[in-house]
């Protein structure tokens, strides 16, 4: 009996990739991505905040970092889910939320516009 390979369903998400987008915009390169991969998420966030403060020359007051971190993380998880899966339904399952909740968050945060080419 010959095994017939099942055709994979490919959705719009097939073309989404944060890495490819940033490479294309020359915001990153393969060497940087390799170095970044050795850091923990906590180290990356702390480094990014520290570099922002160096540019400003002082600690940045008035920005509600503590309250904003949840939204920052959700935004990045939505982008990851879209780039790591083939369909929105699969992305919602990946995150463990309902399809309706996923679609609402995508629209509310305008995530798909991040992947659109200028």
PDB file of N, CA and C in Angstrom:
ATOM      1  N   UNK A   1       0.842  -1.172   0.000  1.00  0.00           N
ATOM      2  CA  UNK A   1       0.000   0.000   0.000  1.00  0.00           C
ATOM      3  C   UNK A   1       0.896   1.246   0.000  1.00  0.00           C
ATOM      4  N   UNK A   2       0.609   2.181  -0.845  1.00  0.00           N
ATOM      5  CA  UNK A   2       1.385   3.405  -0.982  1.00  0.00           C
ATOM      6  C   UNK A   2       0.773   4.472  -0.084  1.00  0.00           C
ATOM      7  N   UNK A   3       1.636   5.113   0.666  1.00  0.00           N
ATOM      8  CA  UNK A   3       1.187   6.185   1.543  1.00  0.00           C
ATOM      9  C   UNK A   3       1.066   7.473   0.743  1.00  0.00           C
ATOM     10  N   UNK A   4      -0.085   8.082   0.815  1.00  0.00           N
ATOM     11  CA  UNK A   4      -0.319   9.331   0.102  1.00  0.00           C
ATOM     12  C   UNK A   4      -0.172  10.486   1.093  1.00  0.00           C
ATOM     13  N   UNK A   5       0.742  11.386   0.810  1.00  0.00           N
ATOM     14  CA  UNK A   5       0.986  12.516   1.679  1.00  0.00           C
ATOM     15  C   UNK A   5      -0.221  13.446   1.683  1.00  0.00           C
ATOM     16  N   UNK A   6      -0.665  13.794   2.888  1.00  0.00           N
ATOM     17  CA  UNK A   6      -1.813  14.673   3.038  1.00  0.00           C
ATOM     18  C   UNK A   6      -1.404  16.117   2.743  1.00  0.00           C
ATOM     19  N   UNK A   7      -2.182  16.790   1.933  1.00  0.00           N
ATOM     20  CA  UNK A   7      -1.896  18.178   1.581  1.00  0.00           C
ATOM     21  C   UNK A   7      -2.204  19.071   2.781  1.00  0.00           C
ATOM     22  N   UNK A   8      -1.235  19.912   3.130  1.00  0.00           N
ATOM     23  CA  UNK A   8      -1.412  20.820   4.266  1.00  0.00           C
ATOM     24  C   UNK A   8      -2.244  22.028   3.843  1.00  0.00           C
ATOM     25  N   UNK A   9      -3.118  22.411   4.714  1.00  0.00           N
ATOM     26  CA  UNK A   9      -3.911  23.615   4.486  1.00  0.00           C
ATOM     27  C   UNK A   9      -3.024  24.809   4.811  1.00  0.00           C
ATOM     28  N   UNK A  10      -2.970  25.754   3.904  1.00  0.00           N
ATOM     29  CA  UNK A  10      -2.153  26.929   4.137  1.00  0.00           C
ATOM     30  C   UNK A  10      -3.034  28.162   4.156  1.00  0.00           C
ATOM     31  N   UNK A  11      -2.969  28.876   5.246  1.00  0.00           N
ATOM     32  CA  UNK A  11      -3.760  30.086   5.389  1.00  0.00           C
ATOM     33  C   UNK A  11      -2.927  31.324   5.169  1.00  0.00           C
ATOM     34  N   UNK A  12      -3.530  32.456   5.463  1.00  0.00           N
ATOM     35  CA  UNK A  12      -2.875  33.750   5.294  1.00  0.00           C
ATOM     36  C   UNK A  12      -1.631  33.861   6.172  1.00  0.00           C
ATOM     37  N   UNK A  13      -1.651  33.185   7.316  1.00  0.00           N
ATOM     38  CA  UNK A  13      -0.529  33.257   8.250  1.00  0.00           C
ATOM     39  C   UNK A  13       0.765  32.711   7.665  1.00  0.00           C
ATOM     40  N   UNK A  14       0.675  31.945   6.601  1.00  0.00           N
ATOM     41  CA  UNK A  14       1.864  31.347   5.982  1.00  0.00           C
ATOM     42  C   UNK A  14       2.912  32.411   5.673  1.00  0.00           C
ATOM     43  N   UNK A  15       2.472  33.591   5.336  1.00  0.00           N
ATOM     44  CA  UNK A  15       3.384  34.651   4.916  1.00  0.00           C
ATOM     45  C   UNK A  15       3.801  35.570   6.060  1.00  0.00           C
ATOM     46  N   UNK A  16       3.335  35.300   7.274  1.00  0.00           N
ATOM     47  CA  UNK A  16       3.674  36.139   8.416  1.00  0.00           C
ATOM     48  C   UNK A  16       4.937  35.621   9.091  1.00  0.00           C
ATOM     49  N   UNK A  17       5.896  36.494   9.283  1.00  0.00           N
ATOM     50  CA  UNK A  17       7.105  36.164  10.029  1.00  0.00           C
ATOM     51  C   UNK A  17       7.715  37.462  10.551  1.00  0.00           C
ATOM     52  N   UNK A  18       7.817  37.564  11.858  1.00  0.00           N
ATOM     53  CA  UNK A  18       8.410  38.747  12.472  1.00  0.00           C
ATOM     54  C   UNK A  18       9.882  38.838  12.065  1.00  0.00           C
ATOM     55  N   UNK A  19      10.573  37.713  12.096  1.00  0.00           N
ATOM     56  CA  UNK A  19      11.989  37.685  11.744  1.00  0.00           C
ATOM     57  C   UNK A  19      12.221  38.159  10.313  1.00  0.00           C
ATOM     58  N   UNK A  20      11.457  37.625   9.365  1.00  0.00           N
ATOM     59  CA  UNK A  20      11.615  38.024   7.961  1.00  0.00           C
ATOM     60  C   UNK A  20      11.308  39.497   7.762  1.00  0.00           C
ATOM     61  N   UNK A  21      10.268  39.993   8.467  1.00  0.00           N
ATOM     62  CA  UNK A  21       9.892  41.398   8.339  1.00  0.00           C
ATOM     63  C   UNK A  21      11.019  42.305   8.825  1.00  0.00           C
ATOM     64  N   UNK A  22      11.590  41.987   9.983  1.00  0.00           N
ATOM     65  CA  UNK A  22      12.652  42.823  10.534  1.00  0.00           C
ATOM     66  C   UNK A  22      13.938  42.722   9.716  1.00  0.00           C
ATOM     67  N   UNK A  23      14.220  41.542   9.169  1.00  0.00           N
ATOM     68  CA  UNK A  23      15.375  41.394   8.281  1.00  0.00           C
ATOM     69  C   UNK A  23      15.203  42.243   7.029  1.00  0.00           C
ATOM     70  N   UNK A  24      14.000  42.205   6.463  1.00  0.00           N
ATOM     71  CA  UNK A  24      13.706  42.956   5.243  1.00  0.00           C
ATOM     72  C   UNK A  24      13.830  44.465   5.463  1.00  0.00           C
ATOM     73  N   UNK A  25      13.441  44.918   6.677  1.00  0.00           N
ATOM     74  CA  UNK A  25      13.508  46.343   7.008  1.00  0.00           C
ATOM     75  C   UNK A  25      14.898  46.747   7.517  1.00  0.00           C
ATOM     76  N   UNK A  26      15.851  45.814   7.486  1.00  0.00           N
ATOM     77  CA  UNK A  26      17.217  46.038   7.970  1.00  0.00           C
ATOM     78  C   UNK A  26      17.267  46.480   9.428  1.00  0.00           C
ATOM     79  N   UNK A  27      16.304  46.034  10.226  1.00  0.00           N
ATOM     80  CA  UNK A  27      16.321  46.320  11.654  1.00  0.00           C
ATOM     81  C   UNK A  27      17.081  45.251  12.424  1.00  0.00           C
ATOM     82  N   UNK A  28      17.385  44.148  11.750  1.00  0.00           N
ATOM     83  CA  UNK A  28      18.101  43.038  12.367  1.00  0.00           C
ATOM     84  C   UNK A  28      18.913  42.317  11.302  1.00  0.00           C
ATOM     85  N   UNK A  29      19.773  41.418  11.731  1.00  0.00           N
ATOM     86  CA  UNK A  29      20.513  40.568  10.806  1.00  0.00           C
ATOM     87  C   UNK A  29      20.692  39.196  11.457  1.00  0.00           C
ATOM     88  N   UNK A  30      21.217  38.238  10.718  1.00  0.00           N
ATOM     89  CA  UNK A  30      21.322  36.878  11.237  1.00  0.00           C
ATOM     90  C   UNK A  30      22.260  36.792  12.439  1.00  0.00           C
ATOM     91  N   UNK A  31      23.332  37.571  12.417  1.00  0.00           N
ATOM     92  CA  UNK A  31      24.270  37.575  13.550  1.00  0.00           C
ATOM     93  C   UNK A  31      23.587  38.092  14.811  1.00  0.00           C
ATOM     94  N   UNK A  32      22.818  39.165  14.670  1.00  0.00           N
ATOM     95  CA  UNK A  32      22.077  39.721  15.806  1.00  0.00           C
ATOM     96  C   UNK A  32      21.065  38.715  16.330  1.00  0.00           C
ATOM     97  N   UNK A  33      20.343  38.051  15.436  1.00  0.00           N
ATOM     98  CA  UNK A  33      19.345  37.065  15.857  1.00  0.00           C
ATOM     99  C   UNK A  33      19.992  35.908  16.606  1.00  0.00           C
ATOM    100  N   UNK A  34      21.176  35.503  16.177  1.00  0.00           N
ATOM    101  CA  UNK A  34      21.901  34.433  16.860  1.00  0.00           C
ATOM    102  C   UNK A  34      22.289  34.868  18.270  1.00  0.00           C
ATOM    103  N   UNK A  35      22.794  36.081  18.403  1.00  0.00           N
ATOM    104  CA  UNK A  35      23.163  36.624  19.713  1.00  0.00           C
ATOM    105  C   UNK A  35      21.928  36.778  20.591  1.00  0.00           C
ATOM    106  N   UNK A  36      20.865  37.304  20.029  1.00  0.00           N
ATOM    107  CA  UNK A  36      19.617  37.503  20.760  1.00  0.00           C
ATOM    108  C   UNK A  36      19.066  36.186  21.282  1.00  0.00           C
ATOM    109  N   UNK A  37      19.259  35.138  20.528  1.00  0.00           N
ATOM    110  CA  UNK A  37      18.752  33.819  20.908  1.00  0.00           C
ATOM    111  C   UNK A  37      19.419  33.283  22.174  1.00  0.00           C
ATOM    112  N   UNK A  38      20.604  33.794  22.515  1.00  0.00           N
ATOM    113  CA  UNK A  38      21.296  33.323  23.721  1.00  0.00           C
ATOM    114  C   UNK A  38      20.800  34.018  24.985  1.00  0.00           C
ATOM    115  N   UNK A  39      20.028  35.097  24.841  1.00  0.00           N
ATOM    116  CA  UNK A  39      19.517  35.845  25.990  1.00  0.00           C
ATOM    117  C   UNK A  39      18.140  35.334  26.400  1.00  0.00           C
ATOM    118  N   UNK A  40      17.833  35.477  27.681  1.00  0.00           N
ATOM    119  CA  UNK A  40      16.486  35.150  28.151  1.00  0.00           C
ATOM    120  C   UNK A  40      15.553  36.314  27.838  1.00  0.00           C
ATOM    121  N   UNK A  41      14.279  36.059  27.869  1.00  0.00           N
ATOM    122  CA  UNK A  41      13.298  37.109  27.609  1.00  0.00           C
ATOM    123  C   UNK A  41      13.421  38.224  28.645  1.00  0.00           C
ATOM    124  N   UNK A  42      13.652  37.854  29.876  1.00  0.00           N
ATOM    125  CA  UNK A  42      13.813  38.847  30.937  1.00  0.00           C
ATOM    126  C   UNK A  42      15.021  39.745  30.676  1.00  0.00           C
ATOM    127  N   UNK A  43      16.133  39.155  30.219  1.00  0.00           N
ATOM    128  CA  UNK A  43      17.333  39.928  29.915  1.00  0.00           C
ATOM    129  C   UNK A  43      17.095  40.868  28.736  1.00  0.00           C
ATOM    130  N   UNK A  44      16.362  40.404  27.751  1.00  0.00           N
ATOM    131  CA  UNK A  44      16.067  41.230  26.572  1.00  0.00           C
ATOM    132  C   UNK A  44      15.224  42.438  26.964  1.00  0.00           C
ATOM    133  N   UNK A  45      14.196  42.213  27.762  1.00  0.00           N
ATOM    134  CA  UNK A  45      13.321  43.318  28.186  1.00  0.00           C
ATOM    135  C   UNK A  45      14.112  44.320  29.021  1.00  0.00           C
ATOM    136  N   UNK A  46      14.899  43.825  29.980  1.00  0.00           N
ATOM    137  CA  UNK A  46      15.693  44.717  30.839  1.00  0.00           C
ATOM    138  C   UNK A  46      16.702  45.507  30.011  1.00  0.00           C
ATOM    139  N   UNK A  47      17.353  44.843  29.060  1.00  0.00           N
ATOM    140  CA  UNK A  47      18.327  45.519  28.197  1.00  0.00           C
ATOM    141  C   UNK A  47      17.658  46.592  27.352  1.00  0.00           C
ATOM    142  N   UNK A  48      16.519  46.294  26.778  1.00  0.00           N
ATOM    143  CA  UNK A  48      15.794  47.261  25.954  1.00  0.00           C
ATOM    144  C   UNK A  48      15.406  48.488  26.779  1.00  0.00           C
ATOM    145  N   UNK A  49      14.936  48.273  27.995  1.00  0.00           N
ATOM    146  CA  UNK A  49      14.563  49.394  28.860  1.00  0.00           C
ATOM    147  C   UNK A  49      15.797  50.214  29.264  1.00  0.00           C
ATOM    148  N   UNK A  50      16.896  49.517  29.564  1.00  0.00           N
ATOM    149  CA  UNK A  50      18.128  50.218  29.934  1.00  0.00           C
ATOM    150  C   UNK A  50      18.657  51.062  28.772  1.00  0.00           C
ATOM    151  N   UNK A  51      18.633  50.501  27.566  1.00  0.00           N
ATOM    152  CA  UNK A  51      19.093  51.258  26.397  1.00  0.00           C
ATOM    153  C   UNK A  51      18.203  52.467  26.133  1.00  0.00           C
ATOM    154  N   UNK A  52      16.910  52.330  26.368  1.00  0.00           N
ATOM    155  CA  UNK A  52      15.985  53.468  26.206  1.00  0.00           C
ATOM    156  C   UNK A  52      16.329  54.574  27.193  1.00  0.00           C
ATOM    157  N   UNK A  53      16.670  54.181  28.408  1.00  0.00           N
ATOM    158  CA  UNK A  53      17.034  55.181  29.415  1.00  0.00           C
ATOM    159  C   UNK A  53      18.349  55.861  29.062  1.00  0.00           C
ATOM    160  N   UNK A  54      19.309  55.128  28.494  1.00  0.00           N
ATOM    161  CA  UNK A  54      20.588  55.737  28.100  1.00  0.00           C
ATOM    162  C   UNK A  54      20.377  56.795  27.036  1.00  0.00           C
ATOM    163  N   UNK A  55      19.500  56.516  26.091  1.00  0.00           N
ATOM    164  CA  UNK A  55      19.210  57.479  25.031  1.00  0.00           C
ATOM    165  C   UNK A  55      18.589  58.744  25.622  1.00  0.00           C
ATOM    166  N   UNK A  56      17.667  58.545  26.568  1.00  0.00           N
ATOM    167  CA  UNK A  56      17.006  59.687  27.199  1.00  0.00           C
ATOM    168  C   UNK A  56      17.947  60.418  28.152  1.00  0.00           C
ATOM    169  N   UNK A  57      18.972  59.735  28.650  1.00  0.00           N
ATOM    170  CA  UNK A  57      19.924  60.352  29.561  1.00  0.00           C
ATOM    171  C   UNK A  57      19.478  60.351  31.005  1.00  0.00           C
ATOM    172  N   UNK A  58      18.324  59.790  31.258  1.00  0.00           N
ATOM    173  CA  UNK A  58      17.770  59.766  32.612  1.00  0.00           C
ATOM    174  C   UNK A  58      16.701  58.676  32.670  1.00  0.00           C
ATOM    175  N   UNK A  59      16.384  58.210  33.859  1.00  0.00           N
ATOM    176  CA  UNK A  59      15.248  57.287  33.948  1.00  0.00           C
ATOM    177  C   UNK A  59      13.988  57.949  33.388  1.00  0.00           C
ATOM    178  N   UNK A  60      13.193  57.169  32.717  1.00  0.00           N
ATOM    179  CA  UNK A  60      12.002  57.707  32.065  1.00  0.00           C
ATOM    180  C   UNK A  60      10.831  57.639  33.048  1.00  0.00           C
ATOM    181  N   UNK A  61      10.427  58.802  33.540  1.00  0.00           N
ATOM    182  CA  UNK A  61       9.321  58.869  34.483  1.00  0.00           C
ATOM    183  C   UNK A  61       8.036  59.211  33.744  1.00  0.00           C
ATOM    184  N   UNK A  62       6.945  58.794  34.300  1.00  0.00           N
ATOM    185  CA  UNK A  62       5.646  59.125  33.720  1.00  0.00           C
ATOM    186  C   UNK A  62       5.114  58.077  32.766  1.00  0.00           C
ATOM    187  N   UNK A  63       5.948  57.107  32.387  1.00  0.00           N
ATOM    188  CA  UNK A  63       5.484  56.021  31.523  1.00  0.00           C
ATOM    189  C   UNK A  63       5.100  54.853  32.432  1.00  0.00           C
ATOM    190  N   UNK A  64       3.870  54.413  32.387  1.00  0.00           N
ATOM    191  CA  UNK A  64       3.427  53.347  33.293  1.00  0.00           C
ATOM    192  C   UNK A  64       3.924  51.962  32.856  1.00  0.00           C
ATOM    193  N   UNK A  65       5.227  51.729  32.985  1.00  0.00           N
ATOM    194  CA  UNK A  65       5.820  50.463  32.541  1.00  0.00           C
ATOM    195  C   UNK A  65       5.190  49.265  33.234  1.00  0.00           C
ATOM    196  N   UNK A  66       5.030  49.381  34.547  1.00  0.00           N
ATOM    197  CA  UNK A  66       4.506  48.249  35.318  1.00  0.00           C
ATOM    198  C   UNK A  66       3.118  47.848  34.829  1.00  0.00           C
ATOM    199  N   UNK A  67       2.290  48.816  34.526  1.00  0.00           N
ATOM    200  CA  UNK A  67       0.933  48.514  34.069  1.00  0.00           C
ATOM    201  C   UNK A  67       0.886  48.168  32.585  1.00  0.00           C
ATOM    202  N   UNK A  68       1.881  48.589  31.822  1.00  0.00           N
ATOM    203  CA  UNK A  68       1.896  48.360  30.379  1.00  0.00           C
ATOM    204  C   UNK A  68       2.463  47.005  29.983  1.00  0.00           C
ATOM    205  N   UNK A  69       3.204  46.358  30.864  1.00  0.00           N
ATOM    206  CA  UNK A  69       3.906  45.134  30.497  1.00  0.00           C
ATOM    207  C   UNK A  69       2.956  44.031  30.047  1.00  0.00           C
ATOM    208  N   UNK A  70       1.778  43.955  30.625  1.00  0.00           N
ATOM    209  CA  UNK A  70       0.814  42.936  30.224  1.00  0.00           C
ATOM    210  C   UNK A  70       0.402  43.129  28.757  1.00  0.00           C
ATOM    211  N   UNK A  71       0.123  44.370  28.368  1.00  0.00           N
ATOM    212  CA  UNK A  71      -0.258  44.651  26.984  1.00  0.00           C
ATOM    213  C   UNK A  71       0.903  44.403  26.023  1.00  0.00           C
ATOM    214  N   UNK A  72       2.111  44.756  26.446  1.00  0.00           N
ATOM    215  CA  UNK A  72       3.300  44.533  25.615  1.00  0.00           C
ATOM    216  C   UNK A  72       3.475  43.042  25.349  1.00  0.00           C
ATOM    217  N   UNK A  73       3.338  42.237  26.398  1.00  0.00           N
ATOM    218  CA  UNK A  73       3.491  40.780  26.260  1.00  0.00           C
ATOM    219  C   UNK A  73       2.385  40.174  25.402  1.00  0.00           C
ATOM    220  N   UNK A  74       1.152  40.627  25.591  1.00  0.00           N
ATOM    221  CA  UNK A  74       0.044  40.101  24.784  1.00  0.00           C
ATOM    222  C   UNK A  74       0.238  40.436  23.306  1.00  0.00           C
ATOM    223  N   UNK A  75       0.692  41.639  23.050  1.00  0.00           N
ATOM    224  CA  UNK A  75       0.945  42.058  21.672  1.00  0.00           C
ATOM    225  C   UNK A  75       1.996  41.152  21.020  1.00  0.00           C
ATOM    226  N   UNK A  76       3.065  40.895  21.732  1.00  0.00           N
ATOM    227  CA  UNK A  76       4.119  40.043  21.170  1.00  0.00           C
ATOM    228  C   UNK A  76       3.653  38.597  21.016  1.00  0.00           C
ATOM    229  N   UNK A  77       2.820  38.098  21.914  1.00  0.00           N
ATOM    230  CA  UNK A  77       2.312  36.731  21.804  1.00  0.00           C
ATOM    231  C   UNK A  77       1.371  36.582  20.604  1.00  0.00           C
ATOM    232  N   UNK A  78       0.582  37.601  20.327  1.00  0.00           N
ATOM    233  CA  UNK A  78      -0.300  37.566  19.157  1.00  0.00           C
ATOM    234  C   UNK A  78       0.514  37.536  17.868  1.00  0.00           C
ATOM    235  N   UNK A  79       1.580  38.326  17.818  1.00  0.00           N
ATOM    236  CA  UNK A  79       2.452  38.320  16.635  1.00  0.00           C
ATOM    237  C   UNK A  79       3.131  36.971  16.472  1.00  0.00           C
ATOM    238  N   UNK A  80       3.588  36.397  17.570  1.00  0.00           N
ATOM    239  CA  UNK A  80       4.206  35.072  17.522  1.00  0.00           C
ATOM    240  C   UNK A  80       3.205  34.029  17.029  1.00  0.00           C
ATOM    241  N   UNK A  81       2.005  34.050  17.572  1.00  0.00           N
ATOM    242  CA  UNK A  81       0.994  33.058  17.194  1.00  0.00           C
ATOM    243  C   UNK A  81       0.688  33.130  15.700  1.00  0.00           C
ATOM    244  N   UNK A  82       0.579  34.332  15.157  1.00  0.00           N
ATOM    245  CA  UNK A  82       0.306  34.469  13.723  1.00  0.00           C
ATOM    246  C   UNK A  82       1.479  33.993  12.874  1.00  0.00           C
ATOM    247  N   UNK A  83       2.704  34.251  13.335  1.00  0.00           N
ATOM    248  CA  UNK A  83       3.860  33.848  12.525  1.00  0.00           C
ATOM    249  C   UNK A  83       4.184  32.368  12.675  1.00  0.00           C
ATOM    250  N   UNK A  84       3.752  31.730  13.766  1.00  0.00           N
ATOM    251  CA  UNK A  84       4.090  30.334  14.021  1.00  0.00           C
ATOM    252  C   UNK A  84       3.038  29.343  13.526  1.00  0.00           C
ATOM    253  N   UNK A  85       1.880  29.840  13.136  1.00  0.00           N
ATOM    254  CA  UNK A  85       0.794  28.947  12.722  1.00  0.00           C
ATOM    255  C   UNK A  85       0.334  29.270  11.301  1.00  0.00           C
ATOM    256  N   UNK A  86      -0.509  28.387  10.771  1.00  0.00           N
ATOM    257  CA  UNK A  86      -0.985  28.574   9.394  1.00  0.00           C
ATOM    258  C   UNK A  86      -2.288  29.354   9.313  1.00  0.00           C
ATOM    259  N   UNK A  87      -3.141  29.209  10.321  1.00  0.00           N
ATOM    260  CA  UNK A  87      -4.450  29.856  10.286  1.00  0.00           C
ATOM    261  C   UNK A  87      -4.727  30.559  11.609  1.00  0.00           C
ATOM    262  N   UNK A  88      -5.716  31.437  11.595  1.00  0.00           N
ATOM    263  CA  UNK A  88      -6.095  32.138  12.817  1.00  0.00           C
ATOM    264  C   UNK A  88      -6.684  31.178  13.844  1.00  0.00           C
ATOM    265  N   UNK A  89      -7.422  30.185  13.371  1.00  0.00           N
ATOM    266  CA  UNK A  89      -8.000  29.203  14.282  1.00  0.00           C
ATOM    267  C   UNK A  89      -6.885  28.427  14.986  1.00  0.00           C
ATOM    268  N   UNK A  90      -5.875  28.049  14.236  1.00  0.00           N
ATOM    269  CA  UNK A  90      -4.727  27.348  14.805  1.00  0.00           C
ATOM    270  C   UNK A  90      -3.978  28.259  15.780  1.00  0.00           C
ATOM    271  N   UNK A  91      -3.878  29.545  15.444  1.00  0.00           N
ATOM    272  CA  UNK A  91      -3.203  30.512  16.320  1.00  0.00           C
ATOM    273  C   UNK A  91      -3.949  30.665  17.637  1.00  0.00           C
ATOM    274  N   UNK A  92      -5.268  30.702  17.578  1.00  0.00           N
ATOM    275  CA  UNK A  92      -6.051  30.828  18.816  1.00  0.00           C
ATOM    276  C   UNK A  92      -5.882  29.589  19.689  1.00  0.00           C
ATOM    277  N   UNK A  93      -5.821  28.413  19.076  1.00  0.00           N
ATOM    278  CA  UNK A  93      -5.585  27.182  19.836  1.00  0.00           C
ATOM    279  C   UNK A  93      -4.187  27.193  20.442  1.00  0.00           C
ATOM    280  N   UNK A  94      -3.216  27.702  19.713  1.00  0.00           N
ATOM    281  CA  UNK A  94      -1.836  27.810  20.185  1.00  0.00           C
ATOM    282  C   UNK A  94      -1.770  28.643  21.464  1.00  0.00           C
ATOM    283  N   UNK A  95      -2.547  29.718  21.508  1.00  0.00           N
ATOM    284  CA  UNK A  95      -2.561  30.607  22.669  1.00  0.00           C
ATOM    285  C   UNK A  95      -3.510  30.138  23.773  1.00  0.00           C
ATOM    286  N   UNK A  96      -4.402  29.204  23.438  1.00  0.00           N
ATOM    287  CA  UNK A  96      -5.346  28.701  24.426  1.00  0.00           C
ATOM    288  C   UNK A  96      -6.517  29.630  24.665  1.00  0.00           C
ATOM    289  N   UNK A  97      -6.918  30.363  23.618  1.00  0.00           N
ATOM    290  CA  UNK A  97      -8.074  31.251  23.725  1.00  0.00           C
ATOM    291  C   UNK A  97      -9.060  30.888  22.617  1.00  0.00           C
ATOM    292  N   UNK A  98     -10.277  31.392  22.722  1.00  0.00           N
ATOM    293  CA  UNK A  98     -11.282  31.100  21.702  1.00  0.00           C
ATOM    294  C   UNK A  98     -10.982  31.874  20.427  1.00  0.00           C
ATOM    295  N   UNK A  99     -11.525  31.394  19.327  1.00  0.00           N
ATOM    296  CA  UNK A  99     -11.341  32.074  18.043  1.00  0.00           C
ATOM    297  C   UNK A  99     -11.903  33.489  18.084  1.00  0.00           C
ATOM    298  N   UNK A 100     -13.043  33.653  18.748  1.00  0.00           N
ATOM    299  CA  UNK A 100     -13.670  34.968  18.843  1.00  0.00           C
ATOM    300  C   UNK A 100     -12.791  35.933  19.642  1.00  0.00           C
ATOM    301  N   UNK A 101     -12.252  35.449  20.755  1.00  0.00           N
ATOM    302  CA  UNK A 101     -11.376  36.284  21.572  1.00  0.00           C
ATOM    303  C   UNK A 101     -10.108  36.653  20.798  1.00  0.00           C
ATOM    304  N   UNK A 102      -9.579  35.702  20.043  1.00  0.00           N
ATOM    305  CA  UNK A 102      -8.384  35.950  19.238  1.00  0.00           C
ATOM    306  C   UNK A 102      -8.657  37.024  18.187  1.00  0.00           C
ATOM    307  N   UNK A 103      -9.763  36.876  17.454  1.00  0.00           N
ATOM    308  CA  UNK A 103     -10.102  37.859  16.422  1.00  0.00           C
ATOM    309  C   UNK A 103     -10.309  39.244  17.023  1.00  0.00           C
ATOM    310  N   UNK A 104     -10.937  39.302  18.188  1.00  0.00           N
ATOM    311  CA  UNK A 104     -11.162  40.579  18.864  1.00  0.00           C
ATOM    312  C   UNK A 104      -9.841  41.245  19.230  1.00  0.00           C
ATOM    313  N   UNK A 105      -8.918  40.460  19.776  1.00  0.00           N
ATOM    314  CA  UNK A 105      -7.604  41.001  20.168  1.00  0.00           C
ATOM    315  C   UNK A 105      -6.805  41.458  18.952  1.00  0.00           C
ATOM    316  N   UNK A 106      -6.864  40.693  17.860  1.00  0.00           N
ATOM    317  CA  UNK A 106      -6.146  41.053  16.632  1.00  0.00           C
ATOM    318  C   UNK A 106      -6.643  42.395  16.099  1.00  0.00           C
ATOM    319  N   UNK A 107      -7.964  42.562  16.091  1.00  0.00           N
ATOM    320  CA  UNK A 107      -8.539  43.825  15.608  1.00  0.00           C
ATOM    321  C   UNK A 107      -8.235  44.970  16.563  1.00  0.00           C
ATOM    322  N   UNK A 108      -8.415  44.747  17.854  1.00  0.00           N
ATOM    323  CA  UNK A 108      -8.223  45.798  18.853  1.00  0.00           C
ATOM    324  C   UNK A 108      -6.784  46.313  18.863  1.00  0.00           C
ATOM    325  N   UNK A 109      -5.830  45.411  18.690  1.00  0.00           N
ATOM    326  CA  UNK A 109      -4.419  45.783  18.733  1.00  0.00           C
ATOM    327  C   UNK A 109      -3.827  46.056  17.348  1.00  0.00           C
ATOM    328  N   UNK A 110      -4.628  45.871  16.301  1.00  0.00           N
ATOM    329  CA  UNK A 110      -4.213  46.130  14.925  1.00  0.00           C
ATOM    330  C   UNK A 110      -2.928  45.362  14.570  1.00  0.00           C
ATOM    331  N   UNK A 111      -2.912  44.081  14.906  1.00  0.00           N
ATOM    332  CA  UNK A 111      -1.719  43.246  14.745  1.00  0.00           C
ATOM    333  C   UNK A 111      -1.417  42.948  13.284  1.00  0.00           C
ATOM    334  N   UNK A 112      -2.428  42.682  12.479  1.00  0.00           N
ATOM    335  CA  UNK A 112      -2.175  42.305  11.077  1.00  0.00           C
ATOM    336  C   UNK A 112      -1.493  43.412  10.293  1.00  0.00           C
ATOM    337  N   UNK A 113      -1.701  44.660  10.675  1.00  0.00           N
ATOM    338  CA  UNK A 113      -1.036  45.754   9.965  1.00  0.00           C
ATOM    339  C   UNK A 113       0.483  45.696  10.148  1.00  0.00           C
ATOM    340  N   UNK A 114       0.944  45.074  11.222  1.00  0.00           N
ATOM    341  CA  UNK A 114       2.383  44.914  11.451  1.00  0.00           C
ATOM    342  C   UNK A 114       3.018  44.106  10.337  1.00  0.00           C
ATOM    343  N   UNK A 115       2.310  43.096   9.829  1.00  0.00           N
ATOM    344  CA  UNK A 115       2.844  42.206   8.814  1.00  0.00           C
ATOM    345  C   UNK A 115       2.645  42.712   7.384  1.00  0.00           C
ATOM    346  N   UNK A 116       1.826  43.729   7.210  1.00  0.00           N
ATOM    347  CA  UNK A 116       1.579  44.254   5.863  1.00  0.00           C
ATOM    348  C   UNK A 116       2.815  44.986   5.353  1.00  0.00           C
ATOM    349  N   UNK A 117       3.074  44.802   4.081  1.00  0.00           N
ATOM    350  CA  UNK A 117       4.219  45.484   3.468  1.00  0.00           C
ATOM    351  C   UNK A 117       3.836  46.927   3.165  1.00  0.00           C
ATOM    352  N   UNK A 118       4.791  47.811   3.368  1.00  0.00           N
ATOM    353  CA  UNK A 118       4.531  49.245   3.132  1.00  0.00           C
ATOM    354  C   UNK A 118       4.542  49.571   1.675  1.00  0.00           C
TER     355      UNK A 118
END
